């Protein structure tokens, strides 16, 4: 009889500990779940910002490439203008020499 009572006492204590553990787990879930939701929301916002930054970086890279191409085009045009100026200068010298010959 004493052994059965002791076994029953241990069984009741075990059930009490199981109930306390279940309550502690429930409290932990109630405490942690909102934190996890907030962290998930923040992570989603950071991911969206990272995607926006990646798009902006790609746009800037495209703009840079367009500016580099335009700079090369302007440089070619400047070379053409310089060659045209040199031809005009040479032609002006030729005309000046002809004018001198005529006088």
PDB file of N, CA and C in Angstrom:
ATOM      1  N   UNK A   1       0.809  -1.200   0.000  1.00  0.00           N
ATOM      2  CA  UNK A   1       0.000   0.000   0.000  1.00  0.00           C
ATOM      3  C   UNK A   1       0.857   1.271   0.000  1.00  0.00           C
ATOM      4  N   UNK A   2       1.899   1.292   0.798  1.00  0.00           N
ATOM      5  CA  UNK A   2       2.738   2.487   0.843  1.00  0.00           C
ATOM      6  C   UNK A   2       3.427   2.675  -0.497  1.00  0.00           C
ATOM      7  N   UNK A   3       3.842   1.588  -1.134  1.00  0.00           N
ATOM      8  CA  UNK A   3       4.487   1.664  -2.447  1.00  0.00           C
ATOM      9  C   UNK A   3       3.526   2.196  -3.498  1.00  0.00           C
ATOM     10  N   UNK A   4       2.263   1.746  -3.433  1.00  0.00           N
ATOM     11  CA  UNK A   4       1.262   2.221  -4.391  1.00  0.00           C
ATOM     12  C   UNK A   4       0.988   3.701  -4.173  1.00  0.00           C
ATOM     13  N   UNK A   5       0.950   4.126  -2.914  1.00  0.00           N
ATOM     14  CA  UNK A   5       0.715   5.530  -2.605  1.00  0.00           C
ATOM     15  C   UNK A   5       1.893   6.370  -3.096  1.00  0.00           C
ATOM     16  N   UNK A   6       3.100   5.851  -2.906  1.00  0.00           N
ATOM     17  CA  UNK A   6       4.292   6.552  -3.355  1.00  0.00           C
ATOM     18  C   UNK A   6       4.305   6.657  -4.889  1.00  0.00           C
ATOM     19  N   UNK A   7       3.933   5.578  -5.546  1.00  0.00           N
ATOM     20  CA  UNK A   7       3.869   5.577  -7.008  1.00  0.00           C
ATOM     21  C   UNK A   7       2.829   6.591  -7.493  1.00  0.00           C
ATOM     22  N   UNK A   8       1.671   6.628  -6.815  1.00  0.00           N
ATOM     23  CA  UNK A   8       0.628   7.583  -7.174  1.00  0.00           C
ATOM     24  C   UNK A   8       1.128   9.014  -6.957  1.00  0.00           C
ATOM     25  N   UNK A   9       1.848   9.237  -5.871  1.00  0.00           N
ATOM     26  CA  UNK A   9       2.403  10.558  -5.575  1.00  0.00           C
ATOM     27  C   UNK A   9       3.386  10.992  -6.675  1.00  0.00           C
ATOM     28  N   UNK A  10       4.252  10.060  -7.080  1.00  0.00           N
ATOM     29  CA  UNK A  10       5.195  10.362  -8.153  1.00  0.00           C
ATOM     30  C   UNK A  10       4.465  10.641  -9.469  1.00  0.00           C
ATOM     31  N   UNK A  11       3.414   9.870  -9.717  1.00  0.00           N
ATOM     32  CA  UNK A  11       2.633  10.063 -10.940  1.00  0.00           C
ATOM     33  C   UNK A  11       1.953  11.441 -10.948  1.00  0.00           C
ATOM     34  N   UNK A  12       1.404  11.829  -9.796  1.00  0.00           N
ATOM     35  CA  UNK A  12       0.773  13.142  -9.697  1.00  0.00           C
ATOM     36  C   UNK A  12       1.810  14.261  -9.861  1.00  0.00           C
ATOM     37  N   UNK A  13       2.963  14.080  -9.256  1.00  0.00           N
ATOM     38  CA  UNK A  13       4.032  15.073  -9.371  1.00  0.00           C
ATOM     39  C   UNK A  13       4.492  15.189 -10.823  1.00  0.00           C
ATOM     40  N   UNK A  14       4.583  14.043 -11.492  1.00  0.00           N
ATOM     41  CA  UNK A  14       4.979  14.025 -12.908  1.00  0.00           C
ATOM     42  C   UNK A  14       3.945  14.786 -13.754  1.00  0.00           C
ATOM     43  N   UNK A  15       2.671  14.552 -13.509  1.00  0.00           N
ATOM     44  CA  UNK A  15       1.609  15.241 -14.256  1.00  0.00           C
ATOM     45  C   UNK A  15       1.657  16.745 -13.987  1.00  0.00           C
ATOM     46  N   UNK A  16       1.948  17.096 -12.728  1.00  0.00           N
ATOM     47  CA  UNK A  16       2.057  18.520 -12.386  1.00  0.00           C
ATOM     48  C   UNK A  16       3.228  19.157 -13.130  1.00  0.00           C
ATOM     49  N   UNK A  17       4.353  18.465 -13.170  1.00  0.00           N
ATOM     50  CA  UNK A  17       5.516  18.974 -13.896  1.00  0.00           C
ATOM     51  C   UNK A  17       5.228  19.077 -15.400  1.00  0.00           C
ATOM     52  N   UNK A  18       4.522  18.078 -15.943  1.00  0.00           N
ATOM     53  CA  UNK A  18       4.149  18.121 -17.354  1.00  0.00           C
ATOM     54  C   UNK A  18       3.244  19.319 -17.631  1.00  0.00           C
ATOM     55  N   UNK A  19       2.293  19.575 -16.735  1.00  0.00           N
ATOM     56  CA  UNK A  19       1.385  20.708 -16.892  1.00  0.00           C
ATOM     57  C   UNK A  19       2.156  22.024 -16.788  1.00  0.00           C
ATOM     58  N   UNK A  20       3.091  22.109 -15.828  1.00  0.00           N
ATOM     59  CA  UNK A  20       3.915  23.312 -15.696  1.00  0.00           C
ATOM     60  C   UNK A  20       4.769  23.545 -16.954  1.00  0.00           C
ATOM     61  N   UNK A  21       5.303  22.448 -17.492  1.00  0.00           N
ATOM     62  CA  UNK A  21       6.110  22.550 -18.700  1.00  0.00           C
ATOM     63  C   UNK A  21       5.255  23.014 -19.882  1.00  0.00           C
ATOM     64  N   UNK A  22       4.067  22.460 -20.010  1.00  0.00           N
ATOM     65  CA  UNK A  22       3.160  22.877 -21.087  1.00  0.00           C
ATOM     66  C   UNK A  22       2.790  24.347 -20.937  1.00  0.00           C
ATOM     67  N   UNK A  23       2.544  24.803 -19.721  1.00  0.00           N
ATOM     68  CA  UNK A  23       2.209  26.203 -19.482  1.00  0.00           C
ATOM     69  C   UNK A  23       3.398  27.100 -19.822  1.00  0.00           C
ATOM     70  N   UNK A  24       4.601  26.662 -19.457  1.00  0.00           N
ATOM     71  CA  UNK A  24       5.807  27.440 -19.759  1.00  0.00           C
ATOM     72  C   UNK A  24       6.018  27.535 -21.271  1.00  0.00           C
ATOM     73  N   UNK A  25       5.768  26.417 -21.962  1.00  0.00           N
ATOM     74  CA  UNK A  25       5.903  26.429 -23.425  1.00  0.00           C
ATOM     75  C   UNK A  25       4.887  27.378 -24.050  1.00  0.00           C
ATOM     76  N   UNK A  26       3.663  27.330 -23.573  1.00  0.00           N
ATOM     77  CA  UNK A  26       2.621  28.214 -24.097  1.00  0.00           C
ATOM     78  C   UNK A  26       2.984  29.680 -23.844  1.00  0.00           C
ATOM     79  N   UNK A  27       3.502  29.970 -22.656  1.00  0.00           N
ATOM     80  CA  UNK A  27       3.906  31.342 -22.342  1.00  0.00           C
ATOM     81  C   UNK A  27       5.065  31.774 -23.245  1.00  0.00           C
ATOM     82  N   UNK A  28       5.994  30.858 -23.485  1.00  0.00           N
ATOM     83  CA  UNK A  28       7.127  31.181 -24.354  1.00  0.00           C
ATOM     84  C   UNK A  28       6.650  31.460 -25.774  1.00  0.00           C
ATOM     85  N   UNK A  29       5.701  30.647 -26.250  1.00  0.00           N
ATOM     86  CA  UNK A  29       5.164  30.864 -27.591  1.00  0.00           C
ATOM     87  C   UNK A  29       4.454  32.207 -27.650  1.00  0.00           C
ATOM     88  N   UNK A  30       3.672  32.513 -26.628  1.00  0.00           N
ATOM     89  CA  UNK A  30       2.964  33.799 -26.599  1.00  0.00           C
ATOM     90  C   UNK A  30       3.936  34.973 -26.578  1.00  0.00           C
ATOM     91  N   UNK A  31       5.084  34.779 -25.944  1.00  0.00           N
ATOM     92  CA  UNK A  31       6.082  35.841 -25.857  1.00  0.00           C
ATOM     93  C   UNK A  31       6.901  35.940 -27.142  1.00  0.00           C
ATOM     94  N   UNK A  32       7.279  34.803 -27.681  1.00  0.00           N
ATOM     95  CA  UNK A  32       8.195  34.775 -28.813  1.00  0.00           C
ATOM     96  C   UNK A  32       7.473  34.995 -30.145  1.00  0.00           C
ATOM     97  N   UNK A  33       6.258  34.529 -30.274  1.00  0.00           N
ATOM     98  CA  UNK A  33       5.550  34.632 -31.554  1.00  0.00           C
ATOM     99  C   UNK A  33       5.450  36.072 -32.065  1.00  0.00           C
ATOM    100  N   UNK A  34       5.061  37.043 -31.233  1.00  0.00           N
ATOM    101  CA  UNK A  34       5.019  38.428 -31.743  1.00  0.00           C
ATOM    102  C   UNK A  34       6.403  38.933 -32.156  1.00  0.00           C
ATOM    103  N   UNK A  35       7.419  38.527 -31.412  1.00  0.00           N
ATOM    104  CA  UNK A  35       8.785  38.933 -31.773  1.00  0.00           C
ATOM    105  C   UNK A  35       9.177  38.337 -33.118  1.00  0.00           C
ATOM    106  N   UNK A  36       8.836  37.075 -33.309  1.00  0.00           N
ATOM    107  CA  UNK A  36       9.150  36.437 -34.583  1.00  0.00           C
ATOM    108  C   UNK A  36       8.393  37.090 -35.733  1.00  0.00           C
ATOM    109  N   UNK A  37       7.138  37.452 -35.500  1.00  0.00           N
ATOM    110  CA  UNK A  37       6.369  38.127 -36.548  1.00  0.00           C
ATOM    111  C   UNK A  37       6.995  39.484 -36.878  1.00  0.00           C
ATOM    112  N   UNK A  38       7.384  40.218 -35.844  1.00  0.00           N
ATOM    113  CA  UNK A  38       8.009  41.521 -36.065  1.00  0.00           C
ATOM    114  C   UNK A  38       9.332  41.366 -36.819  1.00  0.00           C
ATOM    115  N   UNK A  39      10.120  40.368 -36.429  1.00  0.00           N
ATOM    116  CA  UNK A  39      11.386  40.130 -37.124  1.00  0.00           C
ATOM    117  C   UNK A  39      11.146  39.748 -38.583  1.00  0.00           C
ATOM    118  N   UNK A  40      10.119  38.958 -38.846  1.00  0.00           N
ATOM    119  CA  UNK A  40       9.789  38.564 -40.210  1.00  0.00           C
ATOM    120  C   UNK A  40       9.380  39.799 -41.023  1.00  0.00           C
ATOM    121  N   UNK A  41       8.587  40.664 -40.406  1.00  0.00           N
ATOM    122  CA  UNK A  41       8.158  41.894 -41.083  1.00  0.00           C
ATOM    123  C   UNK A  41       9.366  42.772 -41.406  1.00  0.00           C
ATOM    124  N   UNK A  42      10.258  42.906 -40.433  1.00  0.00           N
ATOM    125  CA  UNK A  42      11.464  43.704 -40.656  1.00  0.00           C
ATOM    126  C   UNK A  42      12.350  43.074 -41.729  1.00  0.00           C
ATOM    127  N   UNK A  43      12.463  41.749 -41.706  1.00  0.00           N
ATOM    128  CA  UNK A  43      13.265  41.059 -42.721  1.00  0.00           C
ATOM    129  C   UNK A  43      12.656  41.267 -44.108  1.00  0.00           C
ATOM    130  N   UNK A  44      11.340  41.194 -44.202  1.00  0.00           N
ATOM    131  CA  UNK A  44      10.677  41.430 -45.490  1.00  0.00           C
ATOM    132  C   UNK A  44      10.925  42.854 -45.971  1.00  0.00           C
ATOM    133  N   UNK A  45      10.849  43.818 -45.047  1.00  0.00           N
ATOM    134  CA  UNK A  45      11.089  45.218 -45.414  1.00  0.00           C
ATOM    135  C   UNK A  45      12.539  45.405 -45.878  1.00  0.00           C
ATOM    136  N   UNK A  46      13.473  44.781 -45.179  1.00  0.00           N
ATOM    137  CA  UNK A  46      14.882  44.886 -45.580  1.00  0.00           C
ATOM    138  C   UNK A  46      15.117  44.234 -46.943  1.00  0.00           C
ATOM    139  N   UNK A  47      14.459  43.117 -47.172  1.00  0.00           N
ATOM    140  CA  UNK A  47      14.594  42.458 -48.469  1.00  0.00           C
ATOM    141  C   UNK A  47      14.043  43.345 -49.585  1.00  0.00           C
ATOM    142  N   UNK A  48      12.914  43.995 -49.326  1.00  0.00           N
ATOM    143  CA  UNK A  48      12.336  44.907 -50.327  1.00  0.00           C
ATOM    144  C   UNK A  48      13.286  46.072 -50.580  1.00  0.00           C
ATOM    145  N   UNK A  49      13.871  46.613 -49.512  1.00  0.00           N
ATOM    146  CA  UNK A  49      14.827  47.713 -49.679  1.00  0.00           C
ATOM    147  C   UNK A  49      16.058  47.256 -50.455  1.00  0.00           C
ATOM    148  N   UNK A  50      16.506  46.042 -50.190  1.00  0.00           N
ATOM    149  CA  UNK A  50      17.669  45.508 -50.909  1.00  0.00           C
ATOM    150  C   UNK A  50      17.345  45.348 -52.392  1.00  0.00           C
ATOM    151  N   UNK A  51      16.138  44.885 -52.693  1.00  0.00           N
ATOM    152  CA  UNK A  51      15.741  44.750 -54.095  1.00  0.00           C
ATOM    153  C   UNK A  51      15.657  46.119 -54.762  1.00  0.00           C
ATOM    154  N   UNK A  52      15.096  47.099 -54.049  1.00  0.00           N
ATOM    155  CA  UNK A  52      15.024  48.462 -54.584  1.00  0.00           C
ATOM    156  C   UNK A  52      16.427  49.007 -54.843  1.00  0.00           C
ATOM    157  N   UNK A  53      17.334  48.748 -53.908  1.00  0.00           N
ATOM    158  CA  UNK A  53      18.717  49.214 -54.064  1.00  0.00           C
ATOM    159  C   UNK A  53      19.384  48.535 -55.255  1.00  0.00           C
ATOM    160  N   UNK A  54      19.101  47.255 -55.456  1.00  0.00           N
ATOM    161  CA  UNK A  54      19.678  46.541 -56.597  1.00  0.00           C
ATOM    162  C   UNK A  54      19.156  47.123 -57.907  1.00  0.00           C
ATOM    163  N   UNK A  55      17.863  47.431 -57.958  1.00  0.00           N
ATOM    164  CA  UNK A  55      17.287  48.040 -59.160  1.00  0.00           C
ATOM    165  C   UNK A  55      17.912  49.409 -59.400  1.00  0.00           C
ATOM    166  N   UNK A  56      18.039  50.200 -58.337  1.00  0.00           N
ATOM    167  CA  UNK A  56      18.643  51.530 -58.469  1.00  0.00           C
ATOM    168  C   UNK A  56      20.094  51.419 -58.936  1.00  0.00           C
ATOM    169  N   UNK A  57      20.821  50.452 -58.408  1.00  0.00           N
ATOM    170  CA  UNK A  57      22.216  50.257 -58.818  1.00  0.00           C
ATOM    171  C   UNK A  57      22.291  49.882 -60.292  1.00  0.00           C
ATOM    172  N   UNK A  58      21.381  49.038 -60.740  1.00  0.00           N
ATOM    173  CA  UNK A  58      21.357  48.661 -62.155  1.00  0.00           C
ATOM    174  C   UNK A  58      21.029  49.866 -63.030  1.00  0.00           C
ATOM    175  N   UNK A  59      20.074  50.674 -62.587  1.00  0.00           N
ATOM    176  CA  UNK A  59      19.730  51.889 -63.340  1.00  0.00           C
ATOM    177  C   UNK A  59      20.924  52.842 -63.413  1.00  0.00           C
ATOM    178  N   UNK A  60      21.624  52.994 -62.295  1.00  0.00           N
ATOM    179  CA  UNK A  60      22.808  53.868 -62.281  1.00  0.00           C
ATOM    180  C   UNK A  60      23.899  53.321 -63.199  1.00  0.00           C
ATOM    181  N   UNK A  61      24.059  52.013 -63.205  1.00  0.00           N
ATOM    182  CA  UNK A  61      25.058  51.405 -64.078  1.00  0.00           C
ATOM    183  C   UNK A  61      24.694  51.643 -65.544  1.00  0.00           C
ATOM    184  N   UNK A  62      23.413  51.509 -65.861  1.00  0.00           N
ATOM    185  CA  UNK A  62      22.972  51.773 -67.229  1.00  0.00           C
ATOM    186  C   UNK A  62      23.198  53.233 -67.605  1.00  0.00           C
ATOM    187  N   UNK A  63      22.892  54.147 -66.684  1.00  0.00           N
ATOM    188  CA  UNK A  63      23.137  55.572 -66.932  1.00  0.00           C
ATOM    189  C   UNK A  63      24.622  55.847 -67.138  1.00  0.00           C
ATOM    190  N   UNK A  64      25.453  55.209 -66.299  1.00  0.00           N
ATOM    191  CA  UNK A  64      26.901  55.380 -66.438  1.00  0.00           C
ATOM    192  C   UNK A  64      27.365  54.884 -67.800  1.00  0.00           C
ATOM    193  N   UNK A  65      26.881  53.720 -68.219  1.00  0.00           N
ATOM    194  CA  UNK A  65      27.264  53.190 -69.524  1.00  0.00           C
ATOM    195  C   UNK A  65      26.836  54.135 -70.644  1.00  0.00           C
ATOM    196  N   UNK A  66      25.622  54.700 -70.514  1.00  0.00           N
ATOM    197  CA  UNK A  66      25.140  55.644 -71.527  1.00  0.00           C
ATOM    198  C   UNK A  66      26.017  56.901 -71.545  1.00  0.00           C
ATOM    199  N   UNK A  67      26.423  57.384 -70.367  1.00  0.00           N
ATOM    200  CA  UNK A  67      27.286  58.569 -70.300  1.00  0.00           C
ATOM    201  C   UNK A  67      28.665  58.283 -70.884  1.00  0.00           C
ATOM    202  N   UNK A  68      29.188  57.099 -70.622  1.00  0.00           N
ATOM    203  CA  UNK A  68      30.493  56.731 -71.187  1.00  0.00           C
ATOM    204  C   UNK A  68      30.397  56.677 -72.707  1.00  0.00           C
ATOM    205  N   UNK A  69      29.300  56.089 -73.213  1.00  0.00           N
ATOM    206  CA  UNK A  69      29.109  56.026 -74.668  1.00  0.00           C
ATOM    207  C   UNK A  69      28.975  57.430 -75.250  1.00  0.00           C
ATOM    208  N   UNK A  70      28.227  58.286 -74.579  1.00  0.00           N
ATOM    209  CA  UNK A  70      28.045  59.668 -75.059  1.00  0.00           C
ATOM    210  C   UNK A  70      29.368  60.427 -75.016  1.00  0.00           C
ATOM    211  N   UNK A  71      30.160  60.204 -73.971  1.00  0.00           N
ATOM    212  CA  UNK A  71      31.464  60.868 -73.879  1.00  0.00           C
ATOM    213  C   UNK A  71      32.360  60.433 -75.031  1.00  0.00           C
ATOM    214  N   UNK A  72      32.328  59.154 -75.383  1.00  0.00           N
ATOM    215  CA  UNK A  72      33.130  58.671 -76.508  1.00  0.00           C
ATOM    216  C   UNK A  72      32.646  59.316 -77.810  1.00  0.00           C
ATOM    217  N   UNK A  73      31.324  59.438 -77.949  1.00  0.00           N
ATOM    218  CA  UNK A  73      30.755  60.071 -79.138  1.00  0.00           C
ATOM    219  C   UNK A  73      31.176  61.544 -79.229  1.00  0.00           C
ATOM    220  N   UNK A  74      31.109  62.244 -78.106  1.00  0.00           N
ATOM    221  CA  UNK A  74      31.511  63.658 -78.079  1.00  0.00           C
ATOM    222  C   UNK A  74      32.994  63.783 -78.407  1.00  0.00           C
ATOM    223  N   UNK A  75      33.779  62.850 -77.902  1.00  0.00           N
ATOM    224  CA  UNK A  75      35.213  62.883 -78.175  1.00  0.00           C
ATOM    225  C   UNK A  75      35.471  62.671 -79.673  1.00  0.00           C
ATOM    226  N   UNK A  76      34.724  61.747 -80.294  1.00  0.00           N
ATOM    227  CA  UNK A  76      34.876  61.545 -81.745  1.00  0.00           C
ATOM    228  C   UNK A  76      34.469  62.807 -82.506  1.00  0.00           C
ATOM    229  N   UNK A  77      33.362  63.407 -82.089  1.00  0.00           N
ATOM    230  CA  UNK A  77      32.902  64.641 -82.739  1.00  0.00           C
ATOM    231  C   UNK A  77      33.929  65.754 -82.572  1.00  0.00           C
ATOM    232  N   UNK A  78      34.533  65.843 -81.414  1.00  0.00           N
ATOM    233  CA  UNK A  78      35.556  66.871 -81.183  1.00  0.00           C
ATOM    234  C   UNK A  78      36.746  66.640 -82.111  1.00  0.00           C
ATOM    235  N   UNK A  79      37.098  65.379 -82.323  1.00  0.00           N
ATOM    236  CA  UNK A  79      38.184  65.064 -83.257  1.00  0.00           C
ATOM    237  C   UNK A  79      37.832  65.492 -84.672  1.00  0.00           C
ATOM    238  N   UNK A  80      36.581  65.239 -85.065  1.00  0.00           N
ATOM    239  CA  UNK A  80      36.132  65.655 -86.395  1.00  0.00           C
ATOM    240  C   UNK A  80      36.171  67.176 -86.527  1.00  0.00           C
ATOM    241  N   UNK A  81      35.715  67.881 -85.504  1.00  0.00           N
ATOM    242  CA  UNK A  81      35.735  69.341 -85.521  1.00  0.00           C
ATOM    243  C   UNK A  81      37.176  69.846 -85.625  1.00  0.00           C
ATOM    244  N   UNK A  82      38.071  69.219 -84.873  1.00  0.00           N
ATOM    245  CA  UNK A  82      39.472  69.639 -84.898  1.00  0.00           C
ATOM    246  C   UNK A  82      40.077  69.417 -86.290  1.00  0.00           C
ATOM    247  N   UNK A  83      39.755  68.266 -86.897  1.00  0.00           N
ATOM    248  CA  UNK A  83      40.262  68.006 -88.247  1.00  0.00           C
ATOM    249  C   UNK A  83      39.668  69.023 -89.242  1.00  0.00           C
ATOM    250  N   UNK A  84      38.396  69.354 -89.094  1.00  0.00           N
ATOM    251  CA  UNK A  84      37.768  70.357 -89.961  1.00  0.00           C
ATOM    252  C   UNK A  84      38.397  71.724 -89.785  1.00  0.00           C
ATOM    253  N   UNK A  85      38.687  72.076 -88.536  1.00  0.00           N
ATOM    254  CA  UNK A  85      39.337  73.359 -88.267  1.00  0.00           C
ATOM    255  C   UNK A  85      40.718  73.400 -88.899  1.00  0.00           C
ATOM    256  N   UNK A  86      41.430  72.284 -88.810  1.00  0.00           N
ATOM    257  CA  UNK A  86      42.778  72.246 -89.408  1.00  0.00           C
ATOM    258  C   UNK A  86      42.685  72.392 -90.926  1.00  0.00           C
ATOM    259  N   UNK A  87      41.699  71.740 -91.544  1.00  0.00           N
ATOM    260  CA  UNK A  87      41.534  71.872 -93.000  1.00  0.00           C
ATOM    261  C   UNK A  87      41.194  73.321 -93.378  1.00  0.00           C
ATOM    262  N   UNK A  88      40.279  73.944 -92.601  1.00  0.00           N
ATOM    263  CA  UNK A  88      39.914  75.339 -92.880  1.00  0.00           C
ATOM    264  C   UNK A  88      41.114  76.265 -92.702  1.00  0.00           C
ATOM    265  N   UNK A  89      41.907  76.012 -91.698  1.00  0.00           N
ATOM    266  CA  UNK A  89      43.091  76.835 -91.455  1.00  0.00           C
ATOM    267  C   UNK A  89      44.076  76.686 -92.607  1.00  0.00           C
ATOM    268  N   UNK A  90      44.243  75.444 -93.054  1.00  0.00           N
ATOM    269  CA  UNK A  90      45.145  75.196 -94.183  1.00  0.00           C
ATOM    270  C   UNK A  90      44.616  75.882 -95.444  1.00  0.00           C
ATOM    271  N   UNK A  91      43.320  75.790 -95.663  1.00  0.00           N
ATOM    272  CA  UNK A  91      42.705  76.424 -96.842  1.00  0.00           C
ATOM    273  C   UNK A  91      42.839  77.954 -96.759  1.00  0.00           C
ATOM    274  N   UNK A  92      42.659  78.505 -95.566  1.00  0.00           N
ATOM    275  CA  UNK A  92      42.813  79.951 -95.384  1.00  0.00           C
ATOM    276  C   UNK A  92      44.238  80.374 -95.704  1.00  0.00           C
ATOM    277  N   UNK A  93      45.211  79.558 -95.300  1.00  0.00           N
ATOM    278  CA  UNK A  93      46.613  79.882 -95.599  1.00  0.00           C
ATOM    279  C   UNK A  93      46.849  79.834 -97.106  1.00  0.00           C
ATOM    280  N   UNK A  94      46.234  78.832 -97.762  1.00  0.00           N
ATOM    281  CA  UNK A  94      46.378  78.738 -99.215  1.00  0.00           C
ATOM    282  C   UNK A  94      45.765  79.976 -99.900  1.00  0.00           C
ATOM    283  N   UNK A  95      44.581  80.383 -99.436  1.00  0.00           N
ATOM    284  CA  UNK A  95      43.936  81.562-100.027  1.00  0.00           C
ATOM    285  C   UNK A  95      44.740  82.831 -99.769  1.00  0.00           C
ATOM    286  N   UNK A  96      45.314  82.899 -98.587  1.00  0.00           N
ATOM    287  CA  UNK A  96      46.139  84.082 -98.272  1.00  0.00           C
ATOM    288  C   UNK A  96      47.357  84.122 -99.198  1.00  0.00           C
ATOM    289  N   UNK A  97      47.942  82.954 -99.454  1.00  0.00           N
ATOM    290  CA  UNK A  97      49.101  82.898-100.344  1.00  0.00           C
ATOM    291  C   UNK A  97      48.697  83.286-101.758  1.00  0.00           C
ATOM    292  N   UNK A  98      47.499  82.816-102.172  1.00  0.00           N
ATOM    293  CA  UNK A  98      47.010  83.181-103.507  1.00  0.00           C
ATOM    294  C   UNK A  98      46.746  84.674-103.591  1.00  0.00           C
ATOM    295  N   UNK A  99      46.209  85.253-102.540  1.00  0.00           N
ATOM    296  CA  UNK A  99      45.928  86.685-102.522  1.00  0.00           C
ATOM    297  C   UNK A  99      47.225  87.467-102.605  1.00  0.00           C
ATOM    298  N   UNK A 100      48.237  86.963-101.937  1.00  0.00           N
ATOM    299  CA  UNK A 100      49.535  87.637-101.974  1.00  0.00           C
ATOM    300  C   UNK A 100      50.109  87.560-103.378  1.00  0.00           C
ATOM    301  N   UNK A 101      49.953  86.429-104.049  1.00  0.00           N
ATOM    302  CA  UNK A 101      50.437  86.270-105.395  1.00  0.00           C
ATOM    303  C   UNK A 101      49.710  87.207-106.380  1.00  0.00           C
ATOM    304  N   UNK A 102      48.458  87.490-106.115  1.00  0.00           N
ATOM    305  CA  UNK A 102      47.664  88.331-106.999  1.00  0.00           C
ATOM    306  C   UNK A 102      48.036  89.798-106.848  1.00  0.00           C
ATOM    307  N   UNK A 103      48.567  90.164-105.728  1.00  0.00           N
ATOM    308  CA  UNK A 103      48.877  91.579-105.544  1.00  0.00           C
ATOM    309  C   UNK A 103      50.255  91.960-105.986  1.00  0.00           C
TER     310      UNK A 103
END
